Amino acid sequence: MPELDAAIEAAIEGELRLLDPAVRRSAELLGALLHPDYFEFGASGRRWDRASIIAELSSKAEPGVRPLTVSRMKGVRLAPGLVHLTFDTDRNGACAHRSSLWRQSDEDWLLYFHQGTPYSRE
């Protein structure tokens, strides 16, 4: 397996942190990983902006109660300071293909865009 470059490793690390229930419960920790212009097309079909996704996730008393499995995560550097990640998630049979764009801002990598598209294993 080829070695990942530092930009891809940073984006993957950030993505995995965002999936951590403790991070998702904390508006401060969550906000530290999201670009000021962040937006998302959720697997629900809803469009989220930075403020609305932080409010939604951090308001849940116990997000991530159902186990989440992540698979097939891979990344590609699109340009200096820009990484595209793709991966799949499964939360008790609710599956989604995921796509994220991570941008480098100063020294930090921040999630700029995310999309989740539901799919069926059948």
PDB file of N, CA and C in Angstrom:
ATOM      1  N   MET A   1       0.857  -1.184   0.000  1.00  0.00           N
ATOM      2  CA  MET A   1       0.000   0.000   0.000  1.00  0.00           C
ATOM      3  C   MET A   1       0.895   1.236   0.000  1.00  0.00           C
ATOM      4  N   PRO A   2       0.644   2.195  -0.897  1.00  0.00           N
ATOM      5  CA  PRO A   2       1.479   3.389  -0.932  1.00  0.00           C
ATOM      6  C   PRO A   2       1.296   4.226   0.334  1.00  0.00           C
ATOM      7  N   GLU A   3       2.367   4.915   0.717  1.00  0.00           N
ATOM      8  CA  GLU A   3       2.317   5.760   1.899  1.00  0.00           C
ATOM      9  C   GLU A   3       1.506   7.016   1.595  1.00  0.00           C
ATOM     10  N   LEU A   4       0.646   7.419   2.530  1.00  0.00           N
ATOM     11  CA  LEU A   4      -0.154   8.622   2.363  1.00  0.00           C
ATOM     12  C   LEU A   4       0.712   9.856   2.559  1.00  0.00           C
ATOM     13  N   ASP A   5       0.378  10.943   1.866  1.00  0.00           N
ATOM     14  CA  ASP A   5       1.108  12.167   2.134  1.00  0.00           C
ATOM     15  C   ASP A   5       0.498  12.860   3.360  1.00  0.00           C
ATOM     16  N   ALA A   6       1.216  13.823   3.896  1.00  0.00           N
ATOM     17  CA  ALA A   6       0.826  14.472   5.149  1.00  0.00           C
ATOM     18  C   ALA A   6      -0.536  15.163   5.037  1.00  0.00           C
ATOM     19  N   ALA A   7      -0.856  15.734   3.890  1.00  0.00           N
ATOM     20  CA  ALA A   7      -2.138  16.420   3.709  1.00  0.00           C
ATOM     21  C   ALA A   7      -3.298  15.429   3.802  1.00  0.00           C
ATOM     22  N   ILE A   8      -3.168  14.296   3.147  1.00  0.00           N
ATOM     23  CA  ILE A   8      -4.224  13.284   3.188  1.00  0.00           C
ATOM     24  C   ILE A   8      -4.349  12.716   4.599  1.00  0.00           C
ATOM     25  N   GLU A   9      -3.220  12.461   5.248  1.00  0.00           N
ATOM     26  CA  GLU A   9      -3.250  11.960   6.624  1.00  0.00           C
ATOM     27  C   GLU A   9      -3.960  12.952   7.545  1.00  0.00           C
ATOM     28  N   ALA A  10      -3.700  14.252   7.383  1.00  0.00           N
ATOM     29  CA  ALA A  10      -4.338  15.270   8.215  1.00  0.00           C
ATOM     30  C   ALA A  10      -5.846  15.302   7.982  1.00  0.00           C
ATOM     31  N   ALA A  11      -6.265  15.192   6.733  1.00  0.00           N
ATOM     32  CA  ALA A  11      -7.699  15.194   6.419  1.00  0.00           C
ATOM     33  C   ALA A  11      -8.382  13.961   7.008  1.00  0.00           C
ATOM     34  N   ILE A  12      -7.767  12.806   6.879  1.00  0.00           N
ATOM     35  CA  ILE A  12      -8.346  11.579   7.440  1.00  0.00           C
ATOM     36  C   ILE A  12      -8.443  11.690   8.959  1.00  0.00           C
ATOM     37  N   GLU A  13      -7.390  12.187   9.588  1.00  0.00           N
ATOM     38  CA  GLU A  13      -7.415  12.365  11.043  1.00  0.00           C
ATOM     39  C   GLU A  13      -8.557  13.295  11.459  1.00  0.00           C
ATOM     40  N   GLY A  14      -8.721  14.400  10.732  1.00  0.00           N
ATOM     41  CA  GLY A  14      -9.812  15.330  11.028  1.00  0.00           C
ATOM     42  C   GLY A  14     -11.173  14.697  10.844  1.00  0.00           C
ATOM     43  N   GLU A  15     -11.335  13.942   9.767  1.00  0.00           N
ATOM     44  CA  GLU A  15     -12.624  13.283   9.496  1.00  0.00           C
ATOM     45  C   GLU A  15     -12.965  12.296  10.607  1.00  0.00           C
ATOM     46  N   LEU A  16     -11.996  11.505  11.026  1.00  0.00           N
ATOM     47  CA  LEU A  16     -12.239  10.534  12.094  1.00  0.00           C
ATOM     48  C   LEU A  16     -12.549  11.233  13.415  1.00  0.00           C
ATOM     49  N   ARG A  17     -11.921  12.364  13.668  1.00  0.00           N
ATOM     50  CA  ARG A  17     -12.257  13.136  14.874  1.00  0.00           C
ATOM     51  C   ARG A  17     -13.704  13.620  14.805  1.00  0.00           C
ATOM     52  N   LEU A  18     -14.145  14.071  13.633  1.00  0.00           N
ATOM     53  CA  LEU A  18     -15.529  14.539  13.489  1.00  0.00           C
ATOM     54  C   LEU A  18     -16.544  13.428  13.733  1.00  0.00           C
ATOM     55  N   LEU A  19     -16.152  12.190  13.529  1.00  0.00           N
ATOM     56  CA  LEU A  19     -17.060  11.069  13.744  1.00  0.00           C
ATOM     57  C   LEU A  19     -17.072  10.600  15.202  1.00  0.00           C
ATOM     58  N   ASP A  20     -16.185  11.131  16.026  1.00  0.00           N
ATOM     59  CA  ASP A  20     -16.099  10.780  17.444  1.00  0.00           C
ATOM     60  C   ASP A  20     -17.278  11.409  18.189  1.00  0.00           C
ATOM     61  N   PRO A  21     -18.086  10.610  18.887  1.00  0.00           N
ATOM     62  CA  PRO A  21     -19.246  11.162  19.603  1.00  0.00           C
ATOM     63  C   PRO A  21     -18.887  12.281  20.589  1.00  0.00           C
ATOM     64  N   ALA A  22     -17.729  12.213  21.227  1.00  0.00           N
ATOM     65  CA  ALA A  22     -17.332  13.265  22.176  1.00  0.00           C
ATOM     66  C   ALA A  22     -17.096  14.588  21.456  1.00  0.00           C
ATOM     67  N   VAL A  23     -16.535  14.538  20.261  1.00  0.00           N
ATOM     68  CA  VAL A  23     -16.319  15.754  19.473  1.00  0.00           C
ATOM     69  C   VAL A  23     -17.660  16.294  18.998  1.00  0.00           C
ATOM     70  N   ARG A  24     -18.536  15.420  18.550  1.00  0.00           N
ATOM     71  CA  ARG A  24     -19.830  15.848  18.024  1.00  0.00           C
ATOM     72  C   ARG A  24     -20.703  16.493  19.100  1.00  0.00           C
ATOM     73  N   ARG A  25     -20.512  16.124  20.361  1.00  0.00           N
ATOM     74  CA  ARG A  25     -21.280  16.709  21.469  1.00  0.00           C
ATOM     75  C   ARG A  25     -20.781  18.095  21.854  1.00  0.00           C
ATOM     76  N   SER A  26     -19.576  18.446  21.443  1.00  0.00           N
ATOM     77  CA  SER A  26     -18.960  19.701  21.861  1.00  0.00           C
ATOM     78  C   SER A  26     -18.976  20.724  20.731  1.00  0.00           C
ATOM     79  N   ALA A  27     -19.721  21.806  20.920  1.00  0.00           N
ATOM     80  CA  ALA A  27     -19.755  22.861  19.902  1.00  0.00           C
ATOM     81  C   ALA A  27     -18.348  23.411  19.667  1.00  0.00           C
ATOM     82  N   GLU A  28     -17.550  23.521  20.722  1.00  0.00           N
ATOM     83  CA  GLU A  28     -16.195  24.061  20.590  1.00  0.00           C
ATOM     84  C   GLU A  28     -15.300  23.134  19.778  1.00  0.00           C
ATOM     85  N   LEU A  29     -15.294  21.838  20.107  1.00  0.00           N
ATOM     86  CA  LEU A  29     -14.444  20.888  19.383  1.00  0.00           C
ATOM     87  C   LEU A  29     -14.901  20.726  17.939  1.00  0.00           C
ATOM     88  N   LEU A  30     -16.202  20.662  17.746  1.00  0.00           N
ATOM     89  CA  LEU A  30     -16.762  20.533  16.409  1.00  0.00           C
ATOM     90  C   LEU A  30     -16.438  21.767  15.570  1.00  0.00           C
ATOM     91  N   GLY A  31     -16.655  22.933  16.140  1.00  0.00           N
ATOM     92  CA  GLY A  31     -16.389  24.173  15.421  1.00  0.00           C
ATOM     93  C   GLY A  31     -14.935  24.345  15.036  1.00  0.00           C
ATOM     94  N   ALA A  32     -14.033  23.796  15.843  1.00  0.00           N
ATOM     95  CA  ALA A  32     -12.600  23.907  15.555  1.00  0.00           C
ATOM     96  C   ALA A  32     -12.198  23.123  14.311  1.00  0.00           C
ATOM     97  N   LEU A  33     -13.040  22.207  13.855  1.00  0.00           N
ATOM     98  CA  LEU A  33     -12.737  21.388  12.682  1.00  0.00           C
ATOM     99  C   LEU A  33     -13.476  21.846  11.418  1.00  0.00           C
ATOM    100  N   LEU A  34     -14.381  22.803  11.556  1.00  0.00           N
ATOM    101  CA  LEU A  34     -15.200  23.247  10.415  1.00  0.00           C
ATOM    102  C   LEU A  34     -14.747  24.609   9.914  1.00  0.00           C
ATOM    103  N   HIS A  35     -14.575  24.714   8.611  1.00  0.00           N
ATOM    104  CA  HIS A  35     -14.214  25.970   7.950  1.00  0.00           C
ATOM    105  C   HIS A  35     -15.340  26.993   8.179  1.00  0.00           C
ATOM    106  N   PRO A  36     -15.028  28.280   8.276  1.00  0.00           N
ATOM    107  CA  PRO A  36     -16.078  29.293   8.462  1.00  0.00           C
ATOM    108  C   PRO A  36     -17.162  29.249   7.381  1.00  0.00           C
ATOM    109  N   ASP A  37     -16.825  28.820   6.151  1.00  0.00           N
ATOM    110  CA  ASP A  37     -17.805  28.752   5.059  1.00  0.00           C
ATOM    111  C   ASP A  37     -18.355  27.340   4.843  1.00  0.00           C
ATOM    112  N   TYR A  38     -18.212  26.474   5.825  1.00  0.00           N
ATOM    113  CA  TYR A  38     -18.652  25.073   5.708  1.00  0.00           C
ATOM    114  C   TYR A  38     -20.120  24.972   5.306  1.00  0.00           C
ATOM    115  N   PHE A  39     -20.401  23.988   4.452  1.00  0.00           N
ATOM    116  CA  PHE A  39     -21.783  23.582   4.192  1.00  0.00           C
ATOM    117  C   PHE A  39     -21.814  22.112   3.822  1.00  0.00           C
ATOM    118  N   GLU A  40     -23.005  21.549   3.906  1.00  0.00           N
ATOM    119  CA  GLU A  40     -23.177  20.106   3.728  1.00  0.00           C
ATOM    120  C   GLU A  40     -24.520  19.820   3.075  1.00  0.00           C
ATOM    121  N   PHE A  41     -24.509  18.800   2.220  1.00  0.00           N
ATOM    122  CA  PHE A  41     -25.745  18.188   1.753  1.00  0.00           C
ATOM    123  C   PHE A  41     -25.818  16.850   2.478  1.00  0.00           C
ATOM    124  N   GLY A  42     -26.669  16.764   3.482  1.00  0.00           N
ATOM    125  CA  GLY A  42     -26.732  15.578   4.332  1.00  0.00           C
ATOM    126  C   GLY A  42     -27.397  14.405   3.645  1.00  0.00           C
ATOM    127  N   ALA A  43     -27.164  13.220   4.192  1.00  0.00           N
ATOM    128  CA  ALA A  43     -27.799  12.012   3.676  1.00  0.00           C
ATOM    129  C   ALA A  43     -29.317  12.106   3.804  1.00  0.00           C
ATOM    130  N   SER A  44     -29.792  12.989   4.683  1.00  0.00           N
ATOM    131  CA  SER A  44     -31.228  13.219   4.860  1.00  0.00           C
ATOM    132  C   SER A  44     -31.816  14.034   3.713  1.00  0.00           C
ATOM    133  N   GLY A  45     -30.935  14.655   2.905  1.00  0.00           N
ATOM    134  CA  GLY A  45     -31.387  15.549   1.848  1.00  0.00           C
ATOM    135  C   GLY A  45     -31.387  17.005   2.273  1.00  0.00           C
ATOM    136  N   ARG A  46     -31.139  17.251   3.537  1.00  0.00           N
ATOM    137  CA  ARG A  46     -31.140  18.623   4.061  1.00  0.00           C
ATOM    138  C   ARG A  46     -29.807  19.307   3.763  1.00  0.00           C
ATOM    139  N   ARG A  47     -29.864  20.619   3.515  1.00  0.00           N
ATOM    140  CA  ARG A  47     -28.656  21.430   3.363  1.00  0.00           C
ATOM    141  C   ARG A  47     -28.351  22.054   4.719  1.00  0.00           C
ATOM    142  N   TRP A  48     -27.118  21.884   5.171  1.00  0.00           N
ATOM    143  CA  TRP A  48     -26.682  22.406   6.458  1.00  0.00           C
ATOM    144  C   TRP A  48     -25.602  23.457   6.241  1.00  0.00           C
ATOM    145  N   ASP A  49     -25.592  24.486   7.081  1.00  0.00           N
ATOM    146  CA  ASP A  49     -24.455  25.393   7.114  1.00  0.00           C
ATOM    147  C   ASP A  49     -23.709  25.141   8.423  1.00  0.00           C
ATOM    148  N   ARG A  50     -22.641  25.870   8.625  1.00  0.00           N
ATOM    149  CA  ARG A  50     -21.788  25.635   9.792  1.00  0.00           C
ATOM    150  C   ARG A  50     -22.574  25.779  11.102  1.00  0.00           C
ATOM    151  N   ALA A  51     -23.299  26.876  11.244  1.00  0.00           N
ATOM    152  CA  ALA A  51     -24.038  27.129  12.492  1.00  0.00           C
ATOM    153  C   ALA A  51     -25.105  26.071  12.744  1.00  0.00           C
ATOM    154  N   SER A  52     -25.832  25.680  11.700  1.00  0.00           N
ATOM    155  CA  SER A  52     -26.930  24.733  11.905  1.00  0.00           C
ATOM    156  C   SER A  52     -26.427  23.328  12.228  1.00  0.00           C
ATOM    157  N   ILE A  53     -25.317  22.906  11.631  1.00  0.00           N
ATOM    158  CA  ILE A  53     -24.816  21.554  11.938  1.00  0.00           C
ATOM    159  C   ILE A  53     -24.202  21.517  13.334  1.00  0.00           C
ATOM    160  N   ILE A  54     -23.525  22.595  13.741  1.00  0.00           N
ATOM    161  CA  ILE A  54     -22.979  22.643  15.101  1.00  0.00           C
ATOM    162  C   ILE A  54     -24.122  22.612  16.116  1.00  0.00           C
ATOM    163  N   ALA A  55     -25.155  23.396  15.887  1.00  0.00           N
ATOM    164  CA  ALA A  55     -26.299  23.424  16.807  1.00  0.00           C
ATOM    165  C   ALA A  55     -26.981  22.062  16.875  1.00  0.00           C
ATOM    166  N   GLU A  56     -27.186  21.428  15.739  1.00  0.00           N
ATOM    167  CA  GLU A  56     -27.865  20.131  15.698  1.00  0.00           C
ATOM    168  C   GLU A  56     -27.067  19.051  16.421  1.00  0.00           C
ATOM    169  N   LEU A  57     -25.806  18.921  16.075  1.00  0.00           N
ATOM    170  CA  LEU A  57     -25.004  17.834  16.647  1.00  0.00           C
ATOM    171  C   LEU A  57     -24.700  18.053  18.126  1.00  0.00           C
ATOM    172  N   SER A  58     -24.387  19.268  18.517  1.00  0.00           N
ATOM    173  CA  SER A  58     -24.011  19.502  19.910  1.00  0.00           C
ATOM    174  C   SER A  58     -25.211  19.535  20.853  1.00  0.00           C
ATOM    175  N   SER A  59     -26.426  19.642  20.307  1.00  0.00           N
ATOM    176  CA  SER A  59     -27.616  19.671  21.160  1.00  0.00           C
ATOM    177  C   SER A  59     -28.102  18.278  21.539  1.00  0.00           C
ATOM    178  N   LYS A  60     -27.615  17.262  20.844  1.00  0.00           N
ATOM    179  CA  LYS A  60     -28.061  15.903  21.130  1.00  0.00           C
ATOM    180  C   LYS A  60     -27.361  15.404  22.386  1.00  0.00           C
ATOM    181  N   ALA A  61     -28.148  14.890  23.318  1.00  0.00           N
ATOM    182  CA  ALA A  61     -27.590  14.430  24.594  1.00  0.00           C
ATOM    183  C   ALA A  61     -26.613  13.277  24.399  1.00  0.00           C
ATOM    184  N   GLU A  62     -26.950  12.362  23.506  1.00  0.00           N
ATOM    185  CA  GLU A  62     -26.099  11.195  23.304  1.00  0.00           C
ATOM    186  C   GLU A  62     -25.991  10.862  21.822  1.00  0.00           C
ATOM    187  N   PRO A  63     -25.336  11.750  21.023  1.00  0.00           N
ATOM    188  CA  PRO A  63     -25.186  11.407  19.607  1.00  0.00           C
ATOM    189  C   PRO A  63     -24.305  10.180  19.449  1.00  0.00           C
ATOM    190  N   GLY A  64     -24.547   9.443  18.411  1.00  0.00           N
ATOM    191  CA  GLY A  64     -23.714   8.272  18.151  1.00  0.00           C
ATOM    192  C   GLY A  64     -24.052   7.085  19.019  1.00  0.00           C
ATOM    193  N   VAL A  65     -25.283   7.049  19.591  1.00  0.00           N
ATOM    194  CA  VAL A  65     -25.667   5.910  20.417  1.00  0.00           C
ATOM    195  C   VAL A  65     -25.617   4.635  19.579  1.00  0.00           C
ATOM    196  N   ARG A  66     -26.097   4.735  18.352  1.00  0.00           N
ATOM    197  CA  ARG A  66     -26.006   3.582  17.460  1.00  0.00           C
ATOM    198  C   ARG A  66     -24.590   3.492  16.917  1.00  0.00           C
ATOM    199  N   PRO A  67     -24.022   2.305  16.844  1.00  0.00           N
ATOM    200  CA  PRO A  67     -22.641   2.195  16.357  1.00  0.00           C
ATOM    201  C   PRO A  67     -22.511   2.604  14.888  1.00  0.00           C
ATOM    202  N   LEU A  68     -21.414   3.280  14.579  1.00  0.00           N
ATOM    203  CA  LEU A  68     -21.129   3.736  13.227  1.00  0.00           C
ATOM    204  C   LEU A  68     -19.880   3.015  12.739  1.00  0.00           C
ATOM    205  N   THR A  69     -19.968   2.428  11.562  1.00  0.00           N
ATOM    206  CA  THR A  69     -18.832   1.766  10.942  1.00  0.00           C
ATOM    207  C   THR A  69     -18.406   2.580   9.729  1.00  0.00           C
ATOM    208  N   VAL A  70     -17.108   2.842   9.639  1.00  0.00           N
ATOM    209  CA  VAL A  70     -16.538   3.575   8.514  1.00  0.00           C
ATOM    210  C   VAL A  70     -15.706   2.604   7.693  1.00  0.00           C
ATOM    211  N   SER A  71     -15.859   2.645   6.372  1.00  0.00           N
ATOM    212  CA  SER A  71     -15.078   1.757   5.508  1.00  0.00           C
ATOM    213  C   SER A  71     -14.669   2.491   4.235  1.00  0.00           C
ATOM    214  N   ARG A  72     -13.688   1.921   3.558  1.00  0.00           N
ATOM    215  CA  ARG A  72     -13.209   2.363   2.249  1.00  0.00           C
ATOM    216  C   ARG A  72     -12.798   3.832   2.205  1.00  0.00           C
ATOM    217  N   MET A  73     -12.250   4.354   3.316  1.00  0.00           N
ATOM    218  CA  MET A  73     -11.831   5.755   3.306  1.00  0.00           C
ATOM    219  C   MET A  73     -10.546   5.896   2.503  1.00  0.00           C
ATOM    220  N   LYS A  74     -10.566   6.830   1.580  1.00  0.00           N
ATOM    221  CA  LYS A  74      -9.368   7.127   0.806  1.00  0.00           C
ATOM    222  C   LYS A  74      -9.378   8.610   0.472  1.00  0.00           C
ATOM    223  N   GLY A  75      -8.204   9.118   0.173  1.00  0.00           N
ATOM    224  CA  GLY A  75      -8.089  10.538  -0.111  1.00  0.00           C
ATOM    225  C   GLY A  75      -7.187  10.802  -1.294  1.00  0.00           C
ATOM    226  N   VAL A  76      -7.377  11.972  -1.869  1.00  0.00           N
ATOM    227  CA  VAL A  76      -6.539  12.435  -2.965  1.00  0.00           C
ATOM    228  C   VAL A  76      -6.336  13.938  -2.786  1.00  0.00           C
ATOM    229  N   ARG A  77      -5.110  14.384  -3.016  1.00  0.00           N
ATOM    230  CA  ARG A  77      -4.823  15.815  -2.965  1.00  0.00           C
ATOM    231  C   ARG A  77      -5.229  16.399  -4.314  1.00  0.00           C
ATOM    232  N   LEU A  78      -6.176  17.336  -4.297  1.00  0.00           N
ATOM    233  CA  LEU A  78      -6.654  17.958  -5.531  1.00  0.00           C
ATOM    234  C   LEU A  78      -5.781  19.137  -5.950  1.00  0.00           C
ATOM    235  N   ALA A  79      -5.217  19.817  -4.976  1.00  0.00           N
ATOM    236  CA  ALA A  79      -4.369  20.991  -5.210  1.00  0.00           C
ATOM    237  C   ALA A  79      -3.635  21.265  -3.901  1.00  0.00           C
ATOM    238  N   PRO A  80      -2.650  22.122  -3.920  1.00  0.00           N
ATOM    239  CA  PRO A  80      -2.022  22.468  -2.646  1.00  0.00           C
ATOM    240  C   PRO A  80      -3.077  23.011  -1.679  1.00  0.00           C
ATOM    241  N   GLY A  81      -3.141  22.433  -0.493  1.00  0.00           N
ATOM    242  CA  GLY A  81      -4.106  22.893   0.503  1.00  0.00           C
ATOM    243  C   GLY A  81      -5.523  22.403   0.312  1.00  0.00           C
ATOM    244  N   LEU A  82      -5.748  21.397  -0.546  1.00  0.00           N
ATOM    245  CA  LEU A  82      -7.098  20.883  -0.789  1.00  0.00           C
ATOM    246  C   LEU A  82      -7.068  19.370  -0.950  1.00  0.00           C
ATOM    247  N   VAL A  83      -7.804  18.663  -0.083  1.00  0.00           N
ATOM    248  CA  VAL A  83      -7.870  17.200  -0.108  1.00  0.00           C
ATOM    249  C   VAL A  83      -9.330  16.769  -0.220  1.00  0.00           C
ATOM    250  N   HIS A  84      -9.574  15.758  -1.073  1.00  0.00           N
ATOM    251  CA  HIS A  84     -10.894  15.163  -1.223  1.00  0.00           C
ATOM    252  C   HIS A  84     -10.866  13.769  -0.606  1.00  0.00           C
ATOM    253  N   LEU A  85     -11.764  13.526   0.352  1.00  0.00           N
ATOM    254  CA  LEU A  85     -11.906  12.200   0.954  1.00  0.00           C
ATOM    255  C   LEU A  85     -13.218  11.580   0.504  1.00  0.00           C
ATOM    256  N   THR A  86     -13.201  10.273   0.294  1.00  0.00           N
ATOM    257  CA  THR A  86     -14.430   9.504   0.068  1.00  0.00           C
ATOM    258  C   THR A  86     -14.406   8.318   1.001  1.00  0.00           C
ATOM    259  N   PHE A  87     -15.587   7.932   1.484  1.00  0.00           N
ATOM    260  CA  PHE A  87     -15.713   6.790   2.380  1.00  0.00           C
ATOM    261  C   PHE A  87     -17.179   6.414   2.503  1.00  0.00           C
ATOM    262  N   ASP A  88     -17.423   5.278   3.117  1.00  0.00           N
ATOM    263  CA  ASP A  88     -18.782   4.811   3.361  1.00  0.00           C
ATOM    264  C   ASP A  88     -19.015   4.714   4.862  1.00  0.00           C
ATOM    265  N   THR A  89     -20.268   4.935   5.268  1.00  0.00           N
ATOM    266  CA  THR A  89     -20.647   4.718   6.661  1.00  0.00           C
ATOM    267  C   THR A  89     -21.849   3.784   6.714  1.00  0.00           C
ATOM    268  N   ASP A  90     -21.931   3.051   7.806  1.00  0.00           N
ATOM    269  CA  ASP A  90     -23.059   2.161   8.075  1.00  0.00           C
ATOM    270  C   ASP A  90     -23.433   2.338   9.537  1.00  0.00           C
ATOM    271  N   ARG A  91     -24.654   2.778   9.772  1.00  0.00           N
ATOM    272  CA  ARG A  91     -25.172   2.945  11.128  1.00  0.00           C
ATOM    273  C   ARG A  91     -26.399   2.048  11.233  1.00  0.00           C
ATOM    274  N   ASN A  92     -26.162   0.820  11.717  1.00  0.00           N
ATOM    275  CA  ASN A  92     -27.235  -0.172  11.858  1.00  0.00           C
ATOM    276  C   ASN A  92     -28.020  -0.372  10.563  1.00  0.00           C
ATOM    277  N   GLY A  93     -27.323  -0.492   9.454  1.00  0.00           N
ATOM    278  CA  GLY A  93     -27.959  -0.749   8.170  1.00  0.00           C
ATOM    279  C   GLY A  93     -28.301   0.496   7.370  1.00  0.00           C
ATOM    280  N   ALA A  94     -28.198   1.682   7.959  1.00  0.00           N
ATOM    281  CA  ALA A  94     -28.399   2.932   7.218  1.00  0.00           C
ATOM    282  C   ALA A  94     -27.043   3.300   6.619  1.00  0.00           C
ATOM    283  N   CYS A  95     -26.898   3.031   5.325  1.00  0.00           N
ATOM    284  CA  CYS A  95     -25.600   3.200   4.661  1.00  0.00           C
ATOM    285  C   CYS A  95     -25.569   4.497   3.855  1.00  0.00           C
ATOM    286  N   ALA A  96     -24.380   5.104   3.796  1.00  0.00           N
ATOM    287  CA  ALA A  96     -24.221   6.327   3.006  1.00  0.00           C
ATOM    288  C   ALA A  96     -22.819   6.367   2.415  1.00  0.00           C
ATOM    289  N   HIS A  97     -22.748   6.788   1.152  1.00  0.00           N
ATOM    290  CA  HIS A  97     -21.477   7.142   0.539  1.00  0.00           C
ATOM    291  C   HIS A  97     -21.197   8.573   0.999  1.00  0.00           C
ATOM    292  N   ARG A  98     -19.955   8.864   1.355  1.00  0.00           N
ATOM    293  CA  ARG A  98     -19.597  10.172   1.889  1.00  0.00           C
ATOM    294  C   ARG A  98     -18.461  10.791   1.082  1.00  0.00           C
ATOM    295  N   SER A  99     -18.516  12.105   0.944  1.00  0.00           N
ATOM    296  CA  SER A  99     -17.499  12.863   0.222  1.00  0.00           C
ATOM    297  C   SER A  99     -17.224  14.140   1.004  1.00  0.00           C
ATOM    298  N   SER A 100     -15.951  14.406   1.283  1.00  0.00           N
ATOM    299  CA  SER A 100     -15.568  15.587   2.052  1.00  0.00           C
ATOM    300  C   SER A 100     -14.421  16.320   1.375  1.00  0.00           C
ATOM    301  N   LEU A 101     -14.487  17.643   1.419  1.00  0.00           N
ATOM    302  CA  LEU A 101     -13.379  18.485   0.963  1.00  0.00           C
ATOM    303  C   LEU A 101     -12.766  19.170   2.176  1.00  0.00           C
ATOM    304  N   TRP A 102     -11.471  18.961   2.349  1.00  0.00           N
ATOM    305  CA  TRP A 102     -10.719  19.554   3.450  1.00  0.00           C
ATOM    306  C   TRP A 102      -9.770  20.606   2.892  1.00  0.00           C
ATOM    307  N   ARG A 103      -9.792  21.808   3.509  1.00  0.00           N
ATOM    308  CA  ARG A 103      -8.928  22.915   3.080  1.00  0.00           C
ATOM    309  C   ARG A 103      -7.955  23.267   4.189  1.00  0.00           C
ATOM    310  N   GLN A 104      -6.744  23.558   3.788  1.00  0.00           N
ATOM    311  CA  GLN A 104      -5.743  23.980   4.756  1.00  0.00           C
ATOM    312  C   GLN A 104      -5.919  25.473   5.021  1.00  0.00           C
ATOM    313  N   SER A 105      -5.999  25.823   6.291  1.00  0.00           N
ATOM    314  CA  SER A 105      -6.157  27.204   6.713  1.00  0.00           C
ATOM    315  C   SER A 105      -5.078  27.480   7.749  1.00  0.00           C
ATOM    316  N   ASP A 106      -4.120  28.321   7.409  1.00  0.00           N
ATOM    317  CA  ASP A 106      -2.929  28.503   8.228  1.00  0.00           C
ATOM    318  C   ASP A 106      -2.282  27.130   8.420  1.00  0.00           C
ATOM    319  N   GLU A 107      -2.207  26.652   9.635  1.00  0.00           N
ATOM    320  CA  GLU A 107      -1.614  25.330   9.886  1.00  0.00           C
ATOM    321  C   GLU A 107      -2.662  24.240  10.040  1.00  0.00           C
ATOM    322  N   ASP A 108      -3.936  24.604  10.174  1.00  0.00           N
ATOM    323  CA  ASP A 108      -4.998  23.634  10.425  1.00  0.00           C
ATOM    324  C   ASP A 108      -5.677  23.197   9.134  1.00  0.00           C
ATOM    325  N   TRP A 109      -6.152  21.961   9.152  1.00  0.00           N
ATOM    326  CA  TRP A 109      -6.992  21.452   8.077  1.00  0.00           C
ATOM    327  C   TRP A 109      -8.427  21.511   8.566  1.00  0.00           C
ATOM    328  N   LEU A 110      -9.314  22.146   7.767  1.00  0.00           N
ATOM    329  CA  LEU A 110     -10.706  22.340   8.152  1.00  0.00           C
ATOM    330  C   LEU A 110     -11.626  21.747   7.092  1.00  0.00           C
ATOM    331  N   LEU A 111     -12.721  21.163   7.557  1.00  0.00           N
ATOM    332  CA  LEU A 111     -13.720  20.614   6.639  1.00  0.00           C
ATOM    333  C   LEU A 111     -14.476  21.768   5.993  1.00  0.00           C
ATOM    334  N   TYR A 112     -14.432  21.820   4.671  1.00  0.00           N
ATOM    335  CA  TYR A 112     -15.072  22.888   3.907  1.00  0.00           C
ATOM    336  C   TYR A 112     -16.443  22.453   3.372  1.00  0.00           C
ATOM    337  N   PHE A 113     -16.539  21.204   2.916  1.00  0.00           N
ATOM    338  CA  PHE A 113     -17.778  20.704   2.307  1.00  0.00           C
ATOM    339  C   PHE A 113     -17.919  19.218   2.598  1.00  0.00           C
ATOM    340  N   HIS A 114     -19.162  18.780   2.814  1.00  0.00           N
ATOM    341  CA  HIS A 114     -19.437  17.355   3.017  1.00  0.00           C
ATOM    342  C   HIS A 114     -20.758  17.007   2.343  1.00  0.00           C
ATOM    343  N   GLN A 115     -20.801  15.799   1.792  1.00  0.00           N
ATOM    344  CA  GLN A 115     -22.043  15.287   1.217  1.00  0.00           C
ATOM    345  C   GLN A 115     -22.197  13.833   1.607  1.00  0.00           C
ATOM    346  N   GLY A 116     -23.413  13.458   1.994  1.00  0.00           N
ATOM    347  CA  GLY A 116     -23.752  12.067   2.268  1.00  0.00           C
ATOM    348  C   GLY A 116     -24.872  11.643   1.340  1.00  0.00           C
ATOM    349  N   THR A 117     -24.699  10.490   0.691  1.00  0.00           N
ATOM    350  CA  THR A 117     -25.696   9.974  -0.237  1.00  0.00           C
ATOM    351  C   THR A 117     -26.104   8.571   0.222  1.00  0.00           C
ATOM    352  N   PRO A 118     -27.365   8.387   0.622  1.00  0.00           N
ATOM    353  CA  PRO A 118     -27.782   7.069   1.094  1.00  0.00           C
ATOM    354  C   PRO A 118     -27.700   6.022  -0.021  1.00  0.00           C
ATOM    355  N   TYR A 119     -27.417   4.797   0.377  1.00  0.00           N
ATOM    356  CA  TYR A 119     -27.468   3.683  -0.570  1.00  0.00           C
ATOM    357  C   TYR A 119     -27.913   2.440   0.165  1.00  0.00           C
ATOM    358  N   SER A 120     -28.377   1.480  -0.606  1.00  0.00           N
ATOM    359  CA  SER A 120     -28.845   0.209  -0.051  1.00  0.00           C
ATOM    360  C   SER A 120     -27.834  -0.871  -0.396  1.00  0.00           C
ATOM    361  N   ARG A 121     -27.577  -1.756   0.532  1.00  0.00           N
ATOM    362  CA  ARG A 121     -26.662  -2.868   0.285  1.00  0.00           C
ATOM    363  C   ARG A 121     -27.275  -3.904  -0.662  1.00  0.00           C
ATOM    364  N   GLU A 122     -28.554  -3.824  -0.893  1.00  0.00           N
ATOM    365  CA  GLU A 122     -29.231  -4.815  -1.742  1.00  0.00           C
ATOM    366  C   GLU A 122     -29.037  -4.547  -3.205  1.00  0.00           C
TER     367      GLU A 122
END
